Amino acid sequence: MSTIPIIGGEIDSSQLGRTLMHEHVFVRTPDLQEAWPGFMGFDEEAAVADAHAKLLAIKASGIDTIVDMTAPGLGRQIGPVARAAEGTGLQVIVVTGYYTYTDLPFPMKYNGAGKMFNNDPDDRFLVDLFVRDIEEGIEGTDIRAGVVKCCTDEPGVTPDIERLIRAVGRAHLRTDVPIMTHTHAKSKRGLDQQRILREEGVDLTRVLIGHSNETSDVDYLVEMLDAGSYLGFDRCGLKVDEPLEDQQATLVELCKRGYAGQIVLSQDRHCTTDWFPEELVLAVLPEWRHDFVQTDLVPGLLADGVTQDQVDDMMLRNPEKFFAARSGG
């Protein structure tokens, strides 16, 4: 067991309960909101009220904890998230790291004094930013990050993406906070993440490779599982890259092979975003709801022979194990 920071305090890992491991309260485009406040109709007060109602509904559905994977680069604003979560009874873990597929917004490297130099091969300034969020608090608050995040997508490991992954690995090694990732499963980007993190000395059992439900390549998934990592089947209900029935069949197969102890579930669903109108989401992706895992996926898994004990692994015990672990022990 170990202590995990959440909005409003901290909990022991044994108190996580049923957990959705990859969700979002708000997803924003910071540059656009700064240049054109209210871009795409995003109104902070209305968004907080809407998110509060949705978080209440998530809690009422039997979920105890969510991990809000909104890192810098996705418009992280910790104050509105805290206001939305207040009074819901839902435990919210927040993250640090950075969200980008290609380039970091730091064209030059910096030394520890904040001056522009190209002589910092270890990106210490970037690691220090992540560690500050983990050890001191985010955006001047006492809310600390419980996860550090990196991304790879179709563009692959660009020079800046490699910098990011290595900085995330080094922040983990300094703080022992676990790593959770965004990947493009069709192009097997999770293997790149594992390779680079392994080179940095990261124990891969402390890494959760995200969006792994967006492929039916069982061999790829088993390779990552056998290396020790957890997999996030965390875009459940989202059928952009893979039909929902194929996602479910792949998960059933992995459970039959004995891997339920290394898989977690979630939906990667936002409450409010400025990326696209909510009515468009509901029209085009009607299954992509905050309750899809509970009301659609789990009954389907049980009907396909997955046991309730395996479901409890994925929703209850695996999140606890993931957050309770300590490197080297």
Protein backbone atom coordinates (compact mmCIF):
# COMPACT_ATOMS: atom_id res chain seq x y z
CA MET A 1 0.00 0.00 0.00
CA SER A 2 1.08 3.58 -0.60
CA THR A 3 -0.24 7.10 -0.38
CA ILE A 4 -1.65 8.69 -3.54
CA PRO A 5 -2.32 12.43 -3.93
CA ILE A 6 -5.83 13.29 -5.05
CA ILE A 7 -7.68 16.57 -5.40
CA GLY A 8 -8.45 17.58 -1.85
CA GLY A 9 -5.83 15.49 -0.07
CA GLU A 10 -4.42 11.99 -0.28
CA ILE A 11 -5.62 8.43 0.05
CA ASP A 12 -4.07 5.04 0.54
CA SER A 13 -3.96 2.85 -2.55
CA SER A 14 -6.36 0.47 -0.78
CA GLN A 15 -9.00 3.23 -0.87
CA LEU A 16 -9.05 3.63 -4.66
CA GLY A 17 -12.09 1.40 -5.18
CA ARG A 18 -13.43 0.94 -8.68
CA THR A 19 -11.26 3.08 -10.90
CA LEU A 20 -11.40 4.46 -14.43
CA MET A 21 -7.73 4.90 -15.24
CA HIS A 22 -7.84 7.34 -18.18
CA GLU A 23 -10.50 10.05 -18.30
CA HIS A 24 -10.55 13.83 -18.78
CA VAL A 25 -12.53 16.52 -17.00
CA PHE A 26 -11.64 19.36 -19.40
CA VAL A 27 -9.70 19.25 -22.67
CA ARG A 28 -8.83 22.71 -23.97
CA THR A 29 -6.62 24.33 -26.58
CA PRO A 30 -4.65 26.79 -24.46
CA ASP A 31 -3.29 29.03 -27.25
CA LEU A 32 -6.71 29.42 -28.85
CA GLN A 33 -8.45 30.10 -25.54
CA GLU A 34 -5.83 32.73 -24.70
CA ALA A 35 -6.04 34.41 -28.11
CA TRP A 36 -9.81 34.11 -28.51
CA PRO A 37 -11.46 33.57 -25.10
CA GLY A 38 -14.52 31.41 -25.45
CA PHE A 39 -13.25 29.70 -28.62
CA MET A 40 -15.76 27.02 -29.70
CA GLY A 41 -18.19 28.27 -27.06
CA PHE A 42 -16.03 27.15 -24.14
CA ASP A 43 -17.33 28.95 -21.06
CA GLU A 44 -15.48 28.09 -17.87
CA GLU A 45 -18.37 28.53 -15.44
CA ALA A 46 -20.75 26.51 -17.59
CA ALA A 47 -18.05 23.88 -18.13
CA VAL A 48 -17.45 23.52 -14.38
CA ALA A 49 -21.17 23.10 -13.71
CA ASP A 50 -21.54 20.57 -16.53
CA ALA A 51 -18.48 18.62 -15.39
CA HIS A 52 -19.71 18.60 -11.81
CA ALA A 53 -22.98 16.98 -12.90
CA LYS A 54 -21.15 14.38 -14.98
CA LEU A 55 -18.72 13.54 -12.19
CA LEU A 56 -21.67 13.09 -9.82
CA ALA A 57 -23.19 10.65 -12.31
CA ILE A 58 -19.90 8.73 -12.64
CA LYS A 59 -19.76 8.37 -8.86
CA ALA A 60 -23.42 7.28 -8.73
CA SER A 61 -22.68 4.58 -11.33
CA GLY A 62 -20.35 2.82 -8.88
CA ILE A 63 -17.00 4.38 -9.79
CA ASP A 64 -14.91 5.61 -6.86
CA THR A 65 -11.85 7.12 -8.58
CA ILE A 66 -10.83 8.52 -11.94
CA VAL A 67 -7.40 9.45 -13.23
CA ASP A 68 -7.71 12.77 -15.08
CA MET A 69 -5.03 12.38 -17.76
CA THR A 70 -5.14 16.03 -18.85
CA ALA A 71 -1.47 17.00 -18.90
CA PRO A 72 -0.01 20.34 -20.03
CA GLY A 73 -0.52 20.51 -23.77
CA LEU A 74 -4.17 19.52 -23.33
CA GLY A 75 -5.15 22.67 -21.47
CA ARG A 76 -4.69 21.49 -17.91
CA GLN A 77 -6.23 23.95 -15.42
CA ILE A 78 -6.22 22.54 -11.93
CA GLY A 79 -8.49 25.15 -10.34
CA PRO A 80 -11.60 24.48 -12.46
CA VAL A 81 -11.04 20.72 -12.17
CA ALA A 82 -10.96 21.00 -8.38
CA ARG A 83 -14.17 23.05 -8.41
CA ALA A 84 -15.88 20.51 -10.65
CA ALA A 85 -14.86 17.61 -8.41
CA GLU A 86 -15.79 19.29 -5.13
CA GLY A 87 -18.72 17.64 -3.39
CA THR A 88 -19.03 14.76 -5.86
CA GLY A 89 -17.45 12.11 -3.63
CA LEU A 90 -15.35 11.06 -6.61
CA GLN A 91 -11.61 10.74 -6.01
CA VAL A 92 -9.62 12.44 -8.78
CA ILE A 93 -5.93 11.79 -9.46
CA VAL A 94 -4.22 14.35 -11.70
CA VAL A 95 -1.09 14.14 -13.83
CA THR A 96 2.03 15.91 -14.99
CA GLY A 97 4.16 15.37 -18.09
CA TYR A 98 3.39 16.80 -21.50
CA TYR A 99 1.00 15.96 -24.34
CA THR A 100 2.39 16.26 -27.85
CA TYR A 101 2.86 13.93 -30.82
CA THR A 102 5.80 15.73 -32.41
CA ASP A 103 7.51 18.74 -30.85
CA LEU A 104 7.90 20.20 -27.39
CA PRO A 105 7.27 23.97 -27.08
CA PHE A 106 10.90 24.47 -26.01
CA PRO A 107 13.03 24.99 -29.14
CA MET A 108 16.15 25.41 -27.07
CA LYS A 109 17.37 23.46 -24.08
CA TYR A 110 17.84 25.27 -20.80
CA ASN A 111 20.20 25.08 -17.87
CA GLY A 112 19.05 24.92 -14.27
CA ALA A 113 19.07 28.72 -13.96
CA GLY A 114 16.54 29.08 -16.75
CA LYS A 115 18.95 30.56 -19.30
CA MET A 116 18.95 29.42 -22.90
CA PHE A 117 21.78 27.04 -23.68
CA ASN A 118 22.16 23.95 -25.79
CA ASN A 119 24.36 22.22 -23.23
CA ASP A 120 21.83 20.33 -21.15
CA PRO A 121 21.69 16.85 -22.71
CA ASP A 122 19.65 15.53 -19.78
CA ASP A 123 16.81 18.08 -20.10
CA ARG A 124 17.07 18.74 -16.39
CA PHE A 125 14.77 21.76 -16.63
CA LEU A 126 12.00 19.57 -18.06
CA VAL A 127 12.46 16.89 -15.42
CA ASP A 128 12.42 19.59 -12.75
CA LEU A 129 9.06 20.90 -14.01
CA PHE A 130 7.50 17.45 -13.70
CA VAL A 131 9.06 16.86 -10.29
CA ARG A 132 7.74 20.22 -9.05
CA ASP A 133 4.18 19.15 -9.93
CA ILE A 134 4.71 15.86 -8.10
CA GLU A 135 6.46 17.09 -4.97
CA GLU A 136 5.24 20.68 -4.47
CA GLY A 137 1.93 21.12 -6.27
CA ILE A 138 0.43 22.24 -9.57
CA GLU A 139 -0.11 25.84 -10.67
CA GLY A 140 0.56 27.29 -7.22
CA THR A 141 -1.82 24.94 -5.40
CA ASP A 142 -1.11 22.08 -3.01
CA ILE A 143 -2.67 19.58 -5.46
CA ARG A 144 0.10 17.19 -6.48
CA ALA A 145 0.36 14.97 -9.53
CA GLY A 146 0.10 11.23 -8.96
CA VAL A 147 1.13 10.18 -12.48
CA VAL A 148 3.67 11.34 -15.07
CA LYS A 149 2.60 11.09 -18.74
CA CYS A 150 4.27 10.89 -22.14
CA CYS A 151 2.95 10.32 -25.67
CA THR A 152 3.77 8.66 -28.94
CA ASP A 153 1.48 8.56 -31.95
CA GLU A 154 1.72 7.91 -35.71
CA PRO A 155 4.65 10.34 -36.20
CA GLY A 156 6.71 8.03 -34.01
CA VAL A 157 9.69 8.96 -31.88
CA THR A 158 10.72 12.39 -33.11
CA PRO A 159 13.75 13.97 -31.39
CA ASP A 160 11.48 15.94 -29.06
CA ILE A 161 9.31 12.93 -28.29
CA GLU A 162 12.42 11.01 -27.27
CA ARG A 163 13.38 13.95 -25.03
CA LEU A 164 9.93 13.82 -23.47
CA ILE A 165 9.93 10.06 -22.85
CA ARG A 166 13.40 10.19 -21.31
CA ALA A 167 12.44 13.17 -19.12
CA VAL A 168 9.35 11.32 -17.95
CA GLY A 169 11.48 8.29 -17.11
CA ARG A 170 13.91 10.44 -15.12
CA ALA A 171 11.08 12.19 -13.25
CA HIS A 172 9.73 8.76 -12.33
CA LEU A 173 13.13 7.62 -11.08
CA ARG A 174 13.42 10.74 -8.89
CA THR A 175 9.91 10.50 -7.41
CA ASP A 176 8.73 6.89 -7.87
CA VAL A 177 5.45 8.19 -9.30
CA PRO A 178 4.15 5.75 -11.97
CA ILE A 179 4.16 6.40 -15.71
CA MET A 180 1.07 6.30 -17.91
CA THR A 181 1.17 6.88 -21.65
CA HIS A 182 -0.70 7.77 -24.80
CA THR A 183 0.13 5.55 -27.78
CA HIS A 184 -0.94 4.76 -31.32
CA ALA A 185 -1.60 1.05 -31.08
CA LYS A 186 -1.88 0.34 -34.80
CA SER A 187 1.75 1.37 -35.32
CA LYS A 188 2.95 -0.42 -32.16
CA ARG A 189 4.25 2.76 -30.54
CA GLY A 190 4.10 1.20 -27.09
CA LEU A 191 7.21 -0.82 -27.91
CA ASP A 192 9.13 2.41 -28.55
CA GLN A 193 8.07 3.71 -25.15
CA GLN A 194 9.12 0.51 -23.42
CA ARG A 195 12.50 0.49 -25.19
CA ILE A 196 13.37 4.07 -24.25
CA LEU A 197 12.11 3.80 -20.69
CA ARG A 198 14.04 0.56 -20.22
CA GLU A 199 17.17 2.36 -21.44
CA GLU A 200 16.55 4.97 -18.73
CA GLY A 201 16.46 2.25 -16.07
CA VAL A 202 12.70 2.25 -15.53
CA ASP A 203 11.10 -0.94 -14.19
CA LEU A 204 8.46 -1.60 -16.86
CA THR A 205 6.01 -2.94 -14.28
CA ARG A 206 5.65 0.73 -13.22
CA VAL A 207 4.46 1.70 -16.73
CA LEU A 208 0.92 1.61 -18.11
CA ILE A 209 0.76 1.68 -21.92
CA GLY A 210 -2.41 3.49 -22.91
CA HIS A 211 -4.95 3.13 -25.72
CA SER A 212 -4.01 -0.51 -26.23
CA ASN A 213 -7.58 -1.46 -27.14
CA GLU A 214 -7.20 0.20 -30.55
CA THR A 215 -5.66 -2.87 -32.16
CA SER A 216 -6.45 -6.56 -32.62
CA ASP A 217 -2.76 -7.47 -32.83
CA VAL A 218 -2.64 -9.81 -29.87
CA ASP A 219 1.04 -10.61 -30.42
CA TYR A 220 1.95 -6.93 -30.03
CA LEU A 221 -0.09 -6.65 -26.84
CA VAL A 222 1.35 -9.85 -25.37
CA GLU A 223 4.89 -8.64 -26.10
CA MET A 224 4.27 -5.55 -23.97
CA LEU A 225 2.54 -7.56 -21.25
CA ASP A 226 5.35 -10.09 -21.11
CA ALA A 227 7.81 -7.21 -20.66
CA GLY A 228 5.91 -6.42 -17.45
CA SER A 229 3.82 -3.35 -18.28
CA TYR A 230 0.15 -2.83 -17.65
CA LEU A 231 -2.08 -2.14 -20.64
CA GLY A 232 -4.83 0.43 -20.73
CA PHE A 233 -7.95 -0.71 -22.55
CA ASP A 234 -8.88 2.88 -21.94
CA ARG A 235 -10.68 4.11 -25.02
CA CYS A 236 -13.64 1.82 -24.50
CA GLY A 237 -16.71 2.98 -26.43
CA LEU A 238 -14.53 4.85 -28.94
CA LYS A 239 -14.64 3.10 -32.31
CA VAL A 240 -12.43 5.36 -34.44
CA ASP A 241 -9.48 3.01 -35.00
CA GLU A 242 -11.03 -0.36 -34.14
CA PRO A 243 -14.60 -1.72 -34.14
CA LEU A 244 -16.02 -2.15 -30.64
CA GLU A 245 -16.73 -5.84 -31.18
CA ASP A 246 -13.11 -6.42 -32.17
CA GLN A 247 -11.87 -4.52 -29.12
CA GLN A 248 -14.02 -6.70 -26.89
CA ALA A 249 -12.90 -9.91 -28.61
CA THR A 250 -9.24 -8.95 -28.13
CA LEU A 251 -9.79 -8.25 -24.45
CA VAL A 252 -11.60 -11.58 -24.01
CA GLU A 253 -8.66 -13.37 -25.65
CA LEU A 254 -6.15 -11.69 -23.35
CA CYS A 255 -8.23 -12.66 -20.33
CA LYS A 256 -8.37 -16.26 -21.56
CA ARG A 257 -4.58 -16.22 -21.81
CA GLY A 258 -4.28 -15.13 -18.20
CA TYR A 259 -3.44 -11.43 -18.58
CA ALA A 260 -6.41 -9.91 -16.73
CA GLY A 261 -4.04 -9.03 -13.88
CA GLN A 262 -2.23 -6.49 -16.07
CA ILE A 263 -5.12 -4.69 -17.78
CA VAL A 264 -7.14 -1.66 -16.70
CA LEU A 265 -10.29 -0.16 -18.19
CA SER A 266 -11.46 3.34 -19.01
CA GLN A 267 -13.06 5.45 -21.74
CA ASP A 268 -10.78 8.49 -22.35
CA ARG A 269 -13.97 10.58 -22.30
CA HIS A 270 -13.96 14.28 -21.55
CA CYS A 271 -16.67 16.18 -19.73
CA THR A 272 -16.16 19.35 -21.78
CA THR A 273 -13.80 20.18 -24.65
CA ASP A 274 -13.21 22.88 -27.23
CA TRP A 275 -12.11 20.33 -29.83
CA PHE A 276 -15.62 19.59 -31.14
CA PRO A 277 -19.24 20.19 -30.10
CA GLU A 278 -20.77 17.69 -27.69
CA GLU A 279 -23.77 17.19 -29.94
CA LEU A 280 -21.43 16.01 -32.71
CA VAL A 281 -19.83 13.46 -30.35
CA LEU A 282 -23.22 12.11 -29.35
CA ALA A 283 -24.35 11.87 -32.98
CA VAL A 284 -21.21 10.22 -34.38
CA LEU A 285 -20.02 8.19 -31.39
CA PRO A 286 -23.13 7.33 -29.36
CA GLU A 287 -21.40 4.53 -27.42
CA TRP A 288 -18.59 6.81 -26.21
CA ARG A 289 -20.20 7.61 -22.87
CA HIS A 290 -18.99 7.94 -19.30
CA ASP A 291 -20.82 4.74 -18.36
CA PHE A 292 -19.85 2.54 -21.34
CA VAL A 293 -17.49 0.34 -19.33
CA GLN A 294 -20.08 -0.30 -16.64
CA THR A 295 -23.21 -0.70 -18.75
CA ASP A 296 -21.93 -2.17 -22.04
CA LEU A 297 -18.40 -3.56 -21.86
CA VAL A 298 -18.56 -5.46 -18.57
CA PRO A 299 -21.84 -7.25 -19.35
CA GLY A 300 -20.42 -8.15 -22.77
CA LEU A 301 -17.24 -9.54 -21.24
CA LEU A 302 -19.19 -11.63 -18.76
CA ALA A 303 -21.36 -12.99 -21.56
CA ASP A 304 -18.19 -13.95 -23.45
CA GLY A 305 -16.77 -15.98 -20.58
CA VAL A 306 -14.67 -13.43 -18.70
CA THR A 307 -15.20 -14.02 -14.98
CA GLN A 308 -16.37 -11.48 -12.43
CA ASP A 309 -13.06 -12.02 -10.66
CA GLN A 310 -11.21 -10.97 -13.81
CA VAL A 311 -13.44 -7.89 -14.13
CA ASP A 312 -12.62 -7.05 -10.51
CA ASP A 313 -8.93 -7.39 -11.36
CA MET A 314 -9.23 -4.86 -14.17
CA MET A 315 -11.40 -2.33 -12.36
CA LEU A 316 -10.44 -2.74 -8.71
CA ARG A 317 -7.31 -4.72 -7.91
CA ASN A 318 -5.04 -3.71 -10.80
CA PRO A 319 -5.34 0.05 -10.16
CA GLU A 320 -4.52 -0.61 -6.51
CA LYS A 321 -1.50 -2.76 -7.41
CA PHE A 322 -0.29 -0.24 -9.96
CA PHE A 323 -0.35 2.67 -7.54
CA ALA A 324 0.84 0.65 -4.52
CA ALA A 325 3.99 -0.62 -6.23
CA ARG A 326 7.40 0.76 -5.39
CA SER A 327 10.43 0.47 -7.62
CA GLY A 328 13.09 -1.87 -6.33
CA GLY A 329 10.80 -3.42 -3.79
